[in-house]
PDB file of N, CA and C in Angstrom:
ATOM      1  N   MET A   1     201.693 206.102 -40.615  1.00  0.00           N
ATOM      2  CA  MET A   1     200.445 206.827 -40.753  1.00  0.00           C
ATOM      3  C   MET A   1     200.188 207.723 -39.538  1.00  0.00           C
ATOM      4  N   ARG A   2     200.541 207.231 -38.351  1.00  0.00           N
ATOM      5  CA  ARG A   2     200.342 208.035 -37.143  1.00  0.00           C
ATOM      6  C   ARG A   2     201.122 209.336 -37.209  1.00  0.00           C
ATOM      7  N   SER A   3     202.342 209.273 -37.779  1.00  0.00           N
ATOM      8  CA  SER A   3     203.161 210.488 -37.852  1.00  0.00           C
ATOM      9  C   SER A   3     202.524 211.534 -38.767  1.00  0.00           C
ATOM     10  N   ILE A   4     201.823 211.092 -39.806  1.00  0.00           N
ATOM     11  CA  ILE A   4     201.121 212.038 -40.685  1.00  0.00           C
ATOM     12  C   ILE A   4     200.003 212.730 -39.917  1.00  0.00           C
ATOM     13  N   TYR A   5     199.224 211.956 -39.165  1.00  0.00           N
ATOM     14  CA  TYR A   5     198.144 212.546 -38.372  1.00  0.00           C
ATOM     15  C   TYR A   5     198.693 213.490 -37.303  1.00  0.00           C
ATOM     16  N   ALA A   6     199.796 213.104 -36.693  1.00  0.00           N
ATOM     17  CA  ALA A   6     200.402 213.961 -35.672  1.00  0.00           C
ATOM     18  C   ALA A   6     200.863 215.275 -36.277  1.00  0.00           C
ATOM     19  N   ALA A   7     201.481 215.217 -37.451  1.00  0.00           N
ATOM     20  CA  ALA A   7     201.932 216.436 -38.117  1.00  0.00           C
ATOM     21  C   ALA A   7     200.758 217.327 -38.481  1.00  0.00           C
ATOM     22  N   LEU A   8     199.696 216.751 -39.002  1.00  0.00           N
ATOM     23  CA  LEU A   8     198.509 217.546 -39.339  1.00  0.00           C
ATOM     24  C   LEU A   8     197.886 218.161 -38.101  1.00  0.00           C
ATOM     25  N   PHE A   9     197.841 217.416 -37.005  1.00  0.00           N
ATOM     26  CA  PHE A   9     197.290 217.921 -35.762  1.00  0.00           C
ATOM     27  C   PHE A   9     198.065 219.144 -35.277  1.00  0.00           C
ATOM     28  N   LEU A  10     199.383 219.115 -35.429  1.00  0.00           N
ATOM     29  CA  LEU A  10     200.210 220.242 -35.002  1.00  0.00           C
ATOM     30  C   LEU A  10     199.996 221.479 -35.864  1.00  0.00           C
ATOM     31  N   LEU A  11     199.582 221.299 -37.114  1.00  0.00           N
ATOM     32  CA  LEU A  11     199.374 222.428 -38.014  1.00  0.00           C
ATOM     33  C   LEU A  11     198.003 223.077 -37.846  1.00  0.00           C
ATOM     34  N   ILE A  12     197.051 222.399 -37.241  1.00  0.00           N
ATOM     35  CA  ILE A  12     195.696 222.952 -37.089  1.00  0.00           C
ATOM     36  C   ILE A  12     195.693 224.304 -36.390  1.00  0.00           C
ATOM     37  N   PRO A  13     196.403 224.472 -35.262  1.00  0.00           N
ATOM     38  CA  PRO A  13     196.397 225.798 -34.626  1.00  0.00           C
ATOM     39  C   PRO A  13     196.953 226.890 -35.520  1.00  0.00           C
ATOM     40  N   LEU A  14     197.955 226.573 -36.336  1.00  0.00           N
ATOM     41  CA  LEU A  14     198.555 227.566 -37.225  1.00  0.00           C
ATOM     42  C   LEU A  14     197.532 228.086 -38.214  1.00  0.00           C
ATOM     43  N   PHE A  15     196.809 227.188 -38.883  1.00  0.00           N
ATOM     44  CA  PHE A  15     195.861 227.620 -39.893  1.00  0.00           C
ATOM     45  C   PHE A  15     194.631 228.274 -39.283  1.00  0.00           C
ATOM     46  N   SER A  16     194.134 227.777 -38.172  1.00  0.00           N
ATOM     47  CA  SER A  16     192.952 228.393 -37.574  1.00  0.00           C
ATOM     48  C   SER A  16     193.294 229.758 -37.001  1.00  0.00           C
ATOM     49  N   THR A  17     194.509 229.937 -36.500  1.00  0.00           N
ATOM     50  CA  THR A  17     194.928 231.235 -35.976  1.00  0.00           C
ATOM     51  C   THR A  17     195.122 232.238 -37.103  1.00  0.00           C
ATOM     52  N   ALA A  18     195.764 231.834 -38.178  1.00  0.00           N
ATOM     53  CA  ALA A  18     196.083 232.742 -39.272  1.00  0.00           C
ATOM     54  C   ALA A  18     194.834 233.286 -39.951  1.00  0.00           C
ATOM     55  N   GLU A  19     193.751 232.536 -39.948  1.00  0.00           N
ATOM     56  CA  GLU A  19     192.523 232.963 -40.625  1.00  0.00           C
ATOM     57  C   GLU A  19     191.817 234.109 -39.916  1.00  0.00           C
ATOM     58  N   ASN A  20     192.010 234.280 -38.621  1.00  0.00           N
ATOM     59  CA  ASN A  20     191.280 235.270 -37.837  1.00  0.00           C
ATOM     60  C   ASN A  20     192.063 236.544 -37.573  1.00  0.00           C
ATOM     61  N   ILE A  21     193.097 236.782 -38.322  1.00  0.00           N
ATOM     62  CA  ILE A  21     193.987 237.911 -38.085  1.00  0.00           C
ATOM     63  C   ILE A  21     193.780 238.965 -39.155  1.00  0.00           C
ATOM     64  N   HIS A  22     193.786 240.231 -38.738  1.00  0.00           N
ATOM     65  CA  HIS A  22     193.735 241.324 -39.709  1.00  0.00           C
ATOM     66  C   HIS A  22     195.184 241.668 -40.078  1.00  0.00           C
ATOM     67  N   TRP A  23     195.656 241.091 -41.163  1.00  0.00           N
ATOM     68  CA  TRP A  23     197.024 241.277 -41.602  1.00  0.00           C
ATOM     69  C   TRP A  23     197.186 242.661 -42.236  1.00  0.00           C
ATOM     70  N   PRO A  24     198.282 243.364 -41.960  1.00  0.00           N
ATOM     71  CA  PRO A  24     198.490 244.694 -42.536  1.00  0.00           C
ATOM     72  C   PRO A  24     198.884 244.619 -44.015  1.00  0.00           C
ATOM     73  N   ASP A  25     198.714 245.723 -44.690  1.00  0.00           N
ATOM     74  CA  ASP A  25     199.148 245.867 -46.079  1.00  0.00           C
ATOM     75  C   ASP A  25     200.677 245.924 -46.084  1.00  0.00           C
ATOM     76  N   LEU A  26     201.314 245.008 -46.774  1.00  0.00           N
ATOM     77  CA  LEU A  26     202.781 244.951 -46.767  1.00  0.00           C
ATOM     78  C   LEU A  26     203.437 246.163 -47.412  1.00  0.00           C
ATOM     79  N   SER A  27     202.709 246.861 -48.268  1.00  0.00           N
ATOM     80  CA  SER A  27     203.312 248.015 -48.952  1.00  0.00           C
ATOM     81  C   SER A  27     203.646 249.158 -47.997  1.00  0.00           C
ATOM     82  N   ILE A  28     203.076 249.141 -46.806  1.00  0.00           N
ATOM     83  CA  ILE A  28     203.359 250.224 -45.851  1.00  0.00           C
ATOM     84  C   ILE A  28     204.364 249.809 -44.770  1.00  0.00           C
ATOM     85  N   ILE A  29     204.858 248.584 -44.844  1.00  0.00           N
ATOM     86  CA  ILE A  29     205.773 248.064 -43.828  1.00  0.00           C
ATOM     87  C   ILE A  29     207.216 248.411 -44.191  1.00  0.00           C
ATOM     88  N   LYS A  30     207.908 249.102 -43.279  1.00  0.00           N
ATOM     89  CA  LYS A  30     209.333 249.377 -43.466  1.00  0.00           C
ATOM     90  C   LYS A  30     210.090 248.067 -43.300  1.00  0.00           C
ATOM     91  N   HIS A  31     211.109 247.856 -44.125  1.00  0.00           N
ATOM     92  CA  HIS A  31     211.856 246.607 -44.070  1.00  0.00           C
ATOM     93  C   HIS A  31     213.244 246.763 -44.688  1.00  0.00           C
ATOM     94  N   VAL A  32     214.073 245.748 -44.503  1.00  0.00           N
ATOM     95  CA  VAL A  32     215.413 245.690 -45.081  1.00  0.00           C
ATOM     96  C   VAL A  32     215.497 244.401 -45.881  1.00  0.00           C
ATOM     97  N   SER A  33     215.892 244.505 -47.135  1.00  0.00           N
ATOM     98  CA  SER A  33     215.955 243.322 -47.992  1.00  0.00           C
ATOM     99  C   SER A  33     217.197 243.381 -48.869  1.00  0.00           C
ATOM    100  N   GLY A  34     217.891 242.262 -48.998  1.00  0.00           N
ATOM    101  CA  GLY A  34     219.039 242.175 -49.895  1.00  0.00           C
ATOM    102  C   GLY A  34     220.329 242.751 -49.352  1.00  0.00           C
ATOM    103  N   ARG A  35     220.336 243.173 -48.100  1.00  0.00           N
ATOM    104  CA  ARG A  35     221.546 243.726 -47.485  1.00  0.00           C
ATOM    105  C   ARG A  35     221.429 243.623 -45.972  1.00  0.00           C
ATOM    106  N   SER A  36     222.510 243.856 -45.287  1.00  0.00           N
ATOM    107  CA  SER A  36     222.491 243.859 -43.822  1.00  0.00           C
ATOM    108  C   SER A  36     221.869 245.152 -43.316  1.00  0.00           C
ATOM    109  N   ALA A  37     221.194 245.055 -42.203  1.00  0.00           N
ATOM    110  CA  ALA A  37     220.575 246.238 -41.597  1.00  0.00           C
ATOM    111  C   ALA A  37     221.641 247.150 -40.995  1.00  0.00           C
ATOM    112  N   THR A  38     221.365 248.440 -41.039  1.00  0.00           N
ATOM    113  CA  THR A  38     222.256 249.451 -40.464  1.00  0.00           C
ATOM    114  C   THR A  38     221.627 250.027 -39.198  1.00  0.00           C
ATOM    115  N   GLU A  39     222.402 250.802 -38.508  1.00  0.00           N
ATOM    116  CA  GLU A  39     221.880 251.488 -37.318  1.00  0.00           C
ATOM    117  C   GLU A  39     220.730 252.412 -37.710  1.00  0.00           C
ATOM    118  N   ALA A  40     220.819 253.052 -38.876  1.00  0.00           N
ATOM    119  CA  ALA A  40     219.732 253.925 -39.357  1.00  0.00           C
ATOM    120  C   ALA A  40     218.453 253.117 -39.597  1.00  0.00           C
ATOM    121  N   ASP A  41     218.586 251.892 -40.135  1.00  0.00           N
ATOM    122  CA  ASP A  41     217.419 251.022 -40.320  1.00  0.00           C
ATOM    123  C   ASP A  41     216.781 250.684 -38.982  1.00  0.00           C
ATOM    124  N   LEU A  42     217.611 250.405 -38.002  1.00  0.00           N
ATOM    125  CA  LEU A  42     217.123 250.088 -36.660  1.00  0.00           C
ATOM    126  C   LEU A  42     216.369 251.275 -36.070  1.00  0.00           C
ATOM    127  N   GLN A  43     216.941 252.465 -36.186  1.00  0.00           N
ATOM    128  CA  GLN A  43     216.316 253.667 -35.639  1.00  0.00           C
ATOM    129  C   GLN A  43     215.004 254.012 -36.337  1.00  0.00           C
ATOM    130  N   SER A  44     214.909 253.722 -37.632  1.00  0.00           N
ATOM    131  CA  SER A  44     213.695 254.057 -38.377  1.00  0.00           C
ATOM    132  C   SER A  44     212.581 253.020 -38.221  1.00  0.00           C
ATOM    133  N   GLY A  45     212.904 251.869 -37.598  1.00  0.00           N
ATOM    134  CA  GLY A  45     211.915 250.813 -37.447  1.00  0.00           C
ATOM    135  C   GLY A  45     211.892 249.824 -38.591  1.00  0.00           C
ATOM    136  N   ALA A  46     212.809 249.972 -39.554  1.00  0.00           N
ATOM    137  CA  ALA A  46     212.866 249.056 -40.693  1.00  0.00           C
ATOM    138  C   ALA A  46     213.588 247.753 -40.346  1.00  0.00           C
ATOM    139  N   ALA A  47     214.248 247.710 -39.201  1.00  0.00           N
ATOM    140  CA  ALA A  47     214.979 246.524 -38.773  1.00  0.00           C
ATOM    141  C   ALA A  47     214.762 246.301 -37.282  1.00  0.00           C
ATOM    142  N   ALA A  48     214.915 245.047 -36.859  1.00  0.00           N
ATOM    143  CA  ALA A  48     214.772 244.695 -35.449  1.00  0.00           C
ATOM    144  C   ALA A  48     216.123 244.506 -34.766  1.00  0.00           C
ATOM    145  N   PHE A  49     217.180 244.354 -35.582  1.00  0.00           N
ATOM    146  CA  PHE A  49     218.525 244.156 -35.027  1.00  0.00           C
ATOM    147  C   PHE A  49     219.568 244.532 -36.076  1.00  0.00           C
ATOM    148  N   THR A  50     220.788 244.740 -35.603  1.00  0.00           N
ATOM    149  CA  THR A  50     221.930 244.873 -36.503  1.00  0.00           C
ATOM    150  C   THR A  50     222.914 243.768 -36.126  1.00  0.00           C
ATOM    151  N   ALA A  51     223.586 243.238 -37.120  1.00  0.00           N
ATOM    152  CA  ALA A  51     224.540 242.158 -36.886  1.00  0.00           C
ATOM    153  C   ALA A  51     225.832 242.471 -37.634  1.00  0.00           C
ATOM    154  N   PRO A  52     226.905 242.777 -36.894  1.00  0.00           N
ATOM    155  CA  PRO A  52     228.179 242.998 -37.570  1.00  0.00           C
ATOM    156  C   PRO A  52     228.527 241.784 -38.431  1.00  0.00           C
ATOM    157  N   TYR A  53     228.889 242.023 -39.649  1.00  0.00           N
ATOM    158  CA  TYR A  53     229.258 240.969 -40.592  1.00  0.00           C
ATOM    159  C   TYR A  53     228.089 240.056 -40.959  1.00  0.00           C
ATOM    160  N   GLY A  54     226.853 240.513 -40.724  1.00  0.00           N
ATOM    161  CA  GLY A  54     225.682 239.742 -41.134  1.00  0.00           C
ATOM    162  C   GLY A  54     225.545 239.743 -42.644  1.00  0.00           C
ATOM    163  N   THR A  55     224.964 238.684 -43.165  1.00  0.00           N
ATOM    164  CA  THR A  55     224.691 238.608 -44.599  1.00  0.00           C
ATOM    165  C   THR A  55     223.209 238.305 -44.783  1.00  0.00           C
ATOM    166  N   PRO A  56     222.593 238.867 -45.829  1.00  0.00           N
ATOM    167  CA  PRO A  56     221.161 238.670 -46.006  1.00  0.00           C
ATOM    168  C   PRO A  56     220.799 237.225 -46.350  1.00  0.00           C
ATOM    169  N   VAL A  57     219.634 236.796 -45.861  1.00  0.00           N
ATOM    170  CA  VAL A  57     219.071 235.494 -46.202  1.00  0.00           C
ATOM    171  C   VAL A  57     218.176 235.704 -47.416  1.00  0.00           C
ATOM    172  N   SER A  58     218.213 234.787 -48.335  1.00  0.00           N
ATOM    173  CA  SER A  58     217.450 234.919 -49.580  1.00  0.00           C
ATOM    174  C   SER A  58     216.006 234.443 -49.400  1.00  0.00           C
ATOM    175  N   ILE A  59     215.181 235.304 -48.783  1.00  0.00           N
ATOM    176  CA  ILE A  59     213.739 235.058 -48.690  1.00  0.00           C
ATOM    177  C   ILE A  59     213.021 236.340 -49.101  1.00  0.00           C
ATOM    178  N   THR A  60     211.751 236.224 -49.400  1.00  0.00           N
ATOM    179  CA  THR A  60     210.949 237.394 -49.745  1.00  0.00           C
ATOM    180  C   THR A  60     210.678 238.204 -48.484  1.00  0.00           C
ATOM    181  N   ILE A  61     210.985 239.494 -48.555  1.00  0.00           N
ATOM    182  CA  ILE A  61     210.774 240.413 -47.429  1.00  0.00           C
ATOM    183  C   ILE A  61     210.147 241.680 -47.974  1.00  0.00           C
ATOM    184  N   PRO A  62     209.114 242.207 -47.347  1.00  0.00           N
ATOM    185  CA  PRO A  62     208.432 241.672 -46.172  1.00  0.00           C
ATOM    186  C   PRO A  62     207.506 240.522 -46.549  1.00  0.00           C
ATOM    187  N   GLN A  63     207.149 239.741 -45.539  1.00  0.00           N
ATOM    188  CA  GLN A  63     206.152 238.696 -45.733  1.00  0.00           C
ATOM    189  C   GLN A  63     205.515 238.335 -44.399  1.00  0.00           C
ATOM    190  N   TYR A  64     204.325 237.768 -44.504  1.00  0.00           N
ATOM    191  CA  TYR A  64     203.580 237.342 -43.329  1.00  0.00           C
ATOM    192  C   TYR A  64     204.182 236.057 -42.772  1.00  0.00           C
ATOM    193  N   ALA A  65     204.065 235.884 -41.449  1.00  0.00           N
ATOM    194  CA  ALA A  65     204.574 234.680 -40.808  1.00  0.00           C
ATOM    195  C   ALA A  65     203.896 234.491 -39.455  1.00  0.00           C
ATOM    196  N   MET A  66     204.071 233.312 -38.916  1.00  0.00           N
ATOM    197  CA  MET A  66     203.692 233.032 -37.536  1.00  0.00           C
ATOM    198  C   MET A  66     204.984 232.740 -36.788  1.00  0.00           C
ATOM    199  N   TYR A  67     205.131 233.363 -35.633  1.00  0.00           N
ATOM    200  CA  TYR A  67     206.316 233.217 -34.794  1.00  0.00           C
ATOM    201  C   TYR A  67     205.942 232.382 -33.575  1.00  0.00           C
ATOM    202  N   ARG A  68     206.727 231.365 -33.272  1.00  0.00           N
ATOM    203  CA  ARG A  68     206.492 230.549 -32.084  1.00  0.00           C
ATOM    204  C   ARG A  68     207.406 231.023 -30.968  1.00  0.00           C
ATOM    205  N   ASP A  69     206.775 231.561 -29.903  1.00  0.00           N
ATOM    206  CA  ASP A  69     207.511 231.990 -28.726  1.00  0.00           C
ATOM    207  C   ASP A  69     208.021 230.749 -27.997  1.00  0.00           C
ATOM    208  N   LEU A  70     209.322 230.667 -27.784  1.00  0.00           N
ATOM    209  CA  LEU A  70     209.905 229.475 -27.171  1.00  0.00           C
ATOM    210  C   LEU A  70     209.531 229.319 -25.704  1.00  0.00           C
ATOM    211  N   ASP A  71     209.297 230.421 -24.999  1.00  0.00           N
ATOM    212  CA  ASP A  71     208.950 230.334 -23.579  1.00  0.00           C
ATOM    213  C   ASP A  71     207.518 229.840 -23.363  1.00  0.00           C
ATOM    214  N   SER A  72     206.577 230.415 -24.121  1.00  0.00           N
ATOM    215  CA  SER A  72     205.164 230.075 -23.901  1.00  0.00           C
ATOM    216  C   SER A  72     204.614 229.069 -24.905  1.00  0.00           C
ATOM    217  N   GLY A  73     205.295 228.913 -26.048  1.00  0.00           N
ATOM    218  CA  GLY A  73     204.775 228.052 -27.106  1.00  0.00           C
ATOM    219  C   GLY A  73     203.697 228.720 -27.932  1.00  0.00           C
ATOM    220  N   ARG A  74     203.363 229.948 -27.577  1.00  0.00           N
ATOM    221  CA  ARG A  74     202.291 230.696 -28.247  1.00  0.00           C
ATOM    222  C   ARG A  74     202.704 231.075 -29.663  1.00  0.00           C
ATOM    223  N   LEU A  75     201.746 230.997 -30.600  1.00  0.00           N
ATOM    224  CA  LEU A  75     201.957 231.458 -31.971  1.00  0.00           C
ATOM    225  C   LEU A  75     201.560 232.921 -32.068  1.00  0.00           C
ATOM    226  N   ILE A  76     202.433 233.732 -32.641  1.00  0.00           N
ATOM    227  CA  ILE A  76     202.213 235.175 -32.738  1.00  0.00           C
ATOM    228  C   ILE A  76     202.269 235.567 -34.208  1.00  0.00           C
ATOM    229  N   PRO A  77     201.233 236.232 -34.720  1.00  0.00           N
ATOM    230  CA  PRO A  77     201.281 236.695 -36.111  1.00  0.00           C
ATOM    231  C   PRO A  77     202.246 237.864 -36.251  1.00  0.00           C
ATOM    232  N   VAL A  78     203.098 237.792 -37.271  1.00  0.00           N
ATOM    233  CA  VAL A  78     204.117 238.812 -37.477  1.00  0.00           C
ATOM    234  C   VAL A  78     204.285 239.092 -38.957  1.00  0.00           C
ATOM    235  N   VAL A  79     205.017 240.167 -39.235  1.00  0.00           N
ATOM    236  CA  VAL A  79     205.504 240.457 -40.577  1.00  0.00           C
ATOM    237  C   VAL A  79     207.029 240.434 -40.488  1.00  0.00           C
ATOM    238  N   ILE A  80     207.651 239.593 -41.309  1.00  0.00           N
ATOM    239  CA  ILE A  80     209.116 239.527 -41.362  1.00  0.00           C
ATOM    240  C   ILE A  80     209.624 240.793 -42.045  1.00  0.00           C
ATOM    241  N   ILE A  81     210.546 241.512 -41.373  1.00  0.00           N
ATOM    242  CA  ILE A  81     211.093 242.753 -41.941  1.00  0.00           C
ATOM    243  C   ILE A  81     212.578 242.647 -42.268  1.00  0.00           C
ATOM    244  N   GLN A  82     213.234 241.586 -41.820  1.00  0.00           N
ATOM    245  CA  GLN A  82     214.635 241.377 -42.170  1.00  0.00           C
ATOM    246  C   GLN A  82     215.006 239.919 -41.902  1.00  0.00           C
ATOM    247  N   ALA A  83     216.029 239.461 -42.600  1.00  0.00           N
ATOM    248  CA  ALA A  83     216.528 238.095 -42.422  1.00  0.00           C
ATOM    249  C   ALA A  83     218.019 238.104 -42.727  1.00  0.00           C
ATOM    250  N   GLU A  84     218.807 237.724 -41.728  1.00  0.00           N
ATOM    251  CA  GLU A  84     220.262 237.738 -41.889  1.00  0.00           C
ATOM    252  C   GLU A  84     220.886 236.527 -41.223  1.00  0.00           C
ATOM    253  N   VAL A  85     222.004 236.098 -41.755  1.00  0.00           N
ATOM    254  CA  VAL A  85     222.825 235.087 -41.104  1.00  0.00           C
ATOM    255  C   VAL A  85     223.895 235.835 -40.330  1.00  0.00           C
ATOM    256  N   ALA A  86     223.972 235.566 -39.034  1.00  0.00           N
ATOM    257  CA  ALA A  86     224.963 236.205 -38.175  1.00  0.00           C
ATOM    258  C   ALA A  86     225.600 235.133 -37.305  1.00  0.00           C
ATOM    259  N   GLN A  87     226.883 235.043 -37.332  1.00  0.00           N
ATOM    260  CA  GLN A  87     227.636 234.049 -36.559  1.00  0.00           C
ATOM    261  C   GLN A  87     227.095 232.642 -36.795  1.00  0.00           C
ATOM    262  N   GLY A  88     226.749 232.346 -38.037  1.00  0.00           N
ATOM    263  CA  GLY A  88     226.288 231.021 -38.413  1.00  0.00           C
ATOM    264  C   GLY A  88     224.818 230.729 -38.153  1.00  0.00           C
ATOM    265  N   LEU A  89     224.085 231.680 -37.589  1.00  0.00           N
ATOM    266  CA  LEU A  89     222.659 231.491 -37.302  1.00  0.00           C
ATOM    267  C   LEU A  89     221.803 232.342 -38.222  1.00  0.00           C
ATOM    268  N   ALA A  90     220.771 231.741 -38.805  1.00  0.00           N
ATOM    269  CA  ALA A  90     219.807 232.504 -39.596  1.00  0.00           C
ATOM    270  C   ALA A  90     218.819 233.143 -38.623  1.00  0.00           C
ATOM    271  N   MET A  91     218.824 234.466 -38.587  1.00  0.00           N
ATOM    272  CA  MET A  91     217.978 235.229 -37.670  1.00  0.00           C
ATOM    273  C   MET A  91     216.990 236.073 -38.470  1.00  0.00           C
ATOM    274  N   PHE A  92     215.754 236.128 -37.977  1.00  0.00           N
ATOM    275  CA  PHE A  92     214.730 236.957 -38.603  1.00  0.00           C
ATOM    276  C   PHE A  92     214.326 238.050 -37.629  1.00  0.00           C
ATOM    277  N   GLY A  93     214.069 239.232 -38.173  1.00  0.00           N
ATOM    278  CA  GLY A  93     213.477 240.318 -37.418  1.00  0.00           C
ATOM    279  C   GLY A  93     212.052 240.491 -37.916  1.00  0.00           C
ATOM    280  N   ALA A  94     211.139 240.773 -37.017  1.00  0.00           N
ATOM    281  CA  ALA A  94     209.727 240.866 -37.388  1.00  0.00           C
ATOM    282  C   ALA A  94     209.016 241.900 -36.533  1.00  0.00           C
ATOM    283  N   ILE A  95     207.844 242.293 -37.014  1.00  0.00           N
ATOM    284  CA  ILE A  95     206.950 243.176 -36.260  1.00  0.00           C
ATOM    285  C   ILE A  95     205.697 242.381 -35.929  1.00  0.00           C
ATOM    286  N   GLU A  96     205.308 242.393 -34.664  1.00  0.00           N
ATOM    287  CA  GLU A  96     204.088 241.712 -34.246  1.00  0.00           C
ATOM    288  C   GLU A  96     202.885 242.431 -34.849  1.00  0.00           C
ATOM    289  N   VAL A  97     202.002 241.679 -35.485  1.00  0.00           N
ATOM    290  CA  VAL A  97     200.806 242.255 -36.103  1.00  0.00           C
ATOM    291  C   VAL A  97     199.930 242.888 -35.017  1.00  0.00           C
ATOM    292  N   GLY A  98     199.464 244.104 -35.289  1.00  0.00           N
ATOM    293  CA  GLY A  98     198.601 244.820 -34.345  1.00  0.00           C
ATOM    294  C   GLY A  98     199.353 245.610 -33.301  1.00  0.00           C
ATOM    295  N   SER A  99     200.683 245.655 -33.403  1.00  0.00           N
ATOM    296  CA  SER A  99     201.472 246.443 -32.458  1.00  0.00           C
ATOM    297  C   SER A  99     202.730 246.940 -33.165  1.00  0.00           C
ATOM    298  N   ASP A 100     203.533 247.680 -32.450  1.00  0.00           N
ATOM    299  CA  ASP A 100     204.811 248.141 -32.985  1.00  0.00           C
ATOM    300  C   ASP A 100     205.969 247.316 -32.416  1.00  0.00           C
ATOM    301  N   LYS A 101     205.655 246.226 -31.732  1.00  0.00           N
ATOM    302  CA  LYS A 101     206.668 245.418 -31.063  1.00  0.00           C
ATOM    303  C   LYS A 101     207.505 244.642 -32.073  1.00  0.00           C
ATOM    304  N   HIS A 102     208.820 244.802 -31.970  1.00  0.00           N
ATOM    305  CA  HIS A 102     209.753 244.066 -32.818  1.00  0.00           C
ATOM    306  C   HIS A 102     210.150 242.761 -32.118  1.00  0.00           C
ATOM    307  N   LEU A 103     210.257 241.694 -32.891  1.00  0.00           N
ATOM    308  CA  LEU A 103     210.673 240.396 -32.387  1.00  0.00           C
ATOM    309  C   LEU A 103     211.905 239.935 -33.155  1.00  0.00           C
ATOM    310  N   ILE A 104     212.761 239.201 -32.495  1.00  0.00           N
ATOM    311  CA  ILE A 104     213.944 238.620 -33.127  1.00  0.00           C
ATOM    312  C   ILE A 104     213.950 237.143 -32.770  1.00  0.00           C
ATOM    313  N   GLY A 105     214.177 236.305 -33.767  1.00  0.00           N
ATOM    314  CA  GLY A 105     214.229 234.877 -33.491  1.00  0.00           C
ATOM    315  C   GLY A 105     215.003 234.132 -34.549  1.00  0.00           C
ATOM    316  N   GLN A 106     215.298 232.883 -34.257  1.00  0.00           N
ATOM    317  CA  GLN A 106     215.951 232.031 -35.237  1.00  0.00           C
ATOM    318  C   GLN A 106     214.936 231.626 -36.294  1.00  0.00           C
ATOM    319  N   ALA A 107     215.416 231.388 -37.480  1.00  0.00           N
ATOM    320  CA  ALA A 107     214.540 231.070 -38.614  1.00  0.00           C
ATOM    321  C   ALA A 107     213.573 229.938 -38.290  1.00  0.00           C
ATOM    322  N   GLU A 108     213.990 228.959 -37.515  1.00  0.00           N
ATOM    323  CA  GLU A 108     213.157 227.807 -37.191  1.00  0.00           C
ATOM    324  C   GLU A 108     211.924 228.171 -36.373  1.00  0.00           C
ATOM    325  N   GLN A 109     211.917 229.339 -35.743  1.00  0.00           N
ATOM    326  CA  GLN A 109     210.778 229.766 -34.941  1.00  0.00           C
ATOM    327  C   GLN A 109     209.664 230.362 -35.790  1.00  0.00           C
ATOM    328  N   PHE A 110     209.882 230.548 -37.074  1.00  0.00           N
ATOM    329  CA  PHE A 110     208.924 231.220 -37.945  1.00  0.00           C
ATOM    330  C   PHE A 110     208.344 230.256 -38.975  1.00  0.00           C
ATOM    331  N   GLN A 111     207.038 230.333 -39.154  1.00  0.00           N
ATOM    332  CA  GLN A 111     206.358 229.633 -40.257  1.00  0.00           C
ATOM    333  C   GLN A 111     206.040 230.705 -41.281  1.00  0.00           C
ATOM    334  N   LEU A 112     206.756 230.703 -42.414  1.00  0.00           N
ATOM    335  CA  LEU A 112     206.560 231.722 -43.437  1.00  0.00           C
ATOM    336  C   LEU A 112     205.259 231.483 -44.178  1.00  0.00           C
ATOM    337  N   LEU A 113     204.492 232.558 -44.383  1.00  0.00           N
ATOM    338  CA  LEU A 113     203.176 232.455 -45.014  1.00  0.00           C
ATOM    339  C   LEU A 113     203.101 233.161 -46.357  1.00  0.00           C
ATOM    340  N   GLY A 114     204.174 233.834 -46.765  1.00  0.00           N
ATOM    341  CA  GLY A 114     204.176 234.509 -48.047  1.00  0.00           C
ATOM    342  C   GLY A 114     203.616 235.925 -47.980  1.00  0.00           C
ATOM    343  N   GLN A 115     203.334 236.471 -49.158  1.00  0.00           N
ATOM    344  CA  GLN A 115     202.867 237.862 -49.256  1.00  0.00           C
ATOM    345  C   GLN A 115     201.393 237.997 -49.575  1.00  0.00           C
ATOM    346  N   ALA A 116     200.727 236.917 -49.887  1.00  0.00           N
ATOM    347  CA  ALA A 116     199.326 237.007 -50.301  1.00  0.00           C
ATOM    348  C   ALA A 116     198.451 236.214 -49.356  1.00  0.00           C
ATOM    349  N   LEU A 117     197.764 236.911 -48.461  1.00  0.00           N
ATOM    350  CA  LEU A 117     196.793 236.292 -47.569  1.00  0.00           C
ATOM    351  C   LEU A 117     195.452 236.968 -47.802  1.00  0.00           C
ATOM    352  N   THR A 118     194.384 236.222 -47.664  1.00  0.00           N
ATOM    353  CA  THR A 118     193.068 236.827 -47.787  1.00  0.00           C
ATOM    354  C   THR A 118     192.661 237.436 -46.458  1.00  0.00           C
ATOM    355  N   GLN A 119     191.992 238.557 -46.529  1.00  0.00           N
ATOM    356  CA  GLN A 119     191.498 239.228 -45.329  1.00  0.00           C
ATOM    357  C   GLN A 119     190.093 238.747 -45.013  1.00  0.00           C
ATOM    358  N   ASP A 120     189.759 238.715 -43.718  1.00  0.00           N
ATOM    359  CA  ASP A 120     188.399 238.371 -43.310  1.00  0.00           C
ATOM    360  C   ASP A 120     187.472 239.543 -43.538  1.00  0.00           C
TER     361      ASP A 120
END
């Protein structure tokens, strides 16, 4: 029972943070889906990285997510713009909500939230 309470306690910051964010309209977000990103995708802002011999991960793109920064532990609201397996690692590229900053991380660093969030 304690482990259930501990798990719920860890999720509280995620849900309280996600509710106070002005999430962008996904229809205007450049992204790469169903294929590996190219240098042109990177230059246009549709991708955060290119991976030689990368293969696409089967998730819905674009979609809202929370990214956990490994250095600070901080949760950052993002939009996933690409997902690829490269050298055996599932990597996601994302754009930080409210900025043009691209982030790259392992799939485990992201809590996927889907495409339908309510706005405040």
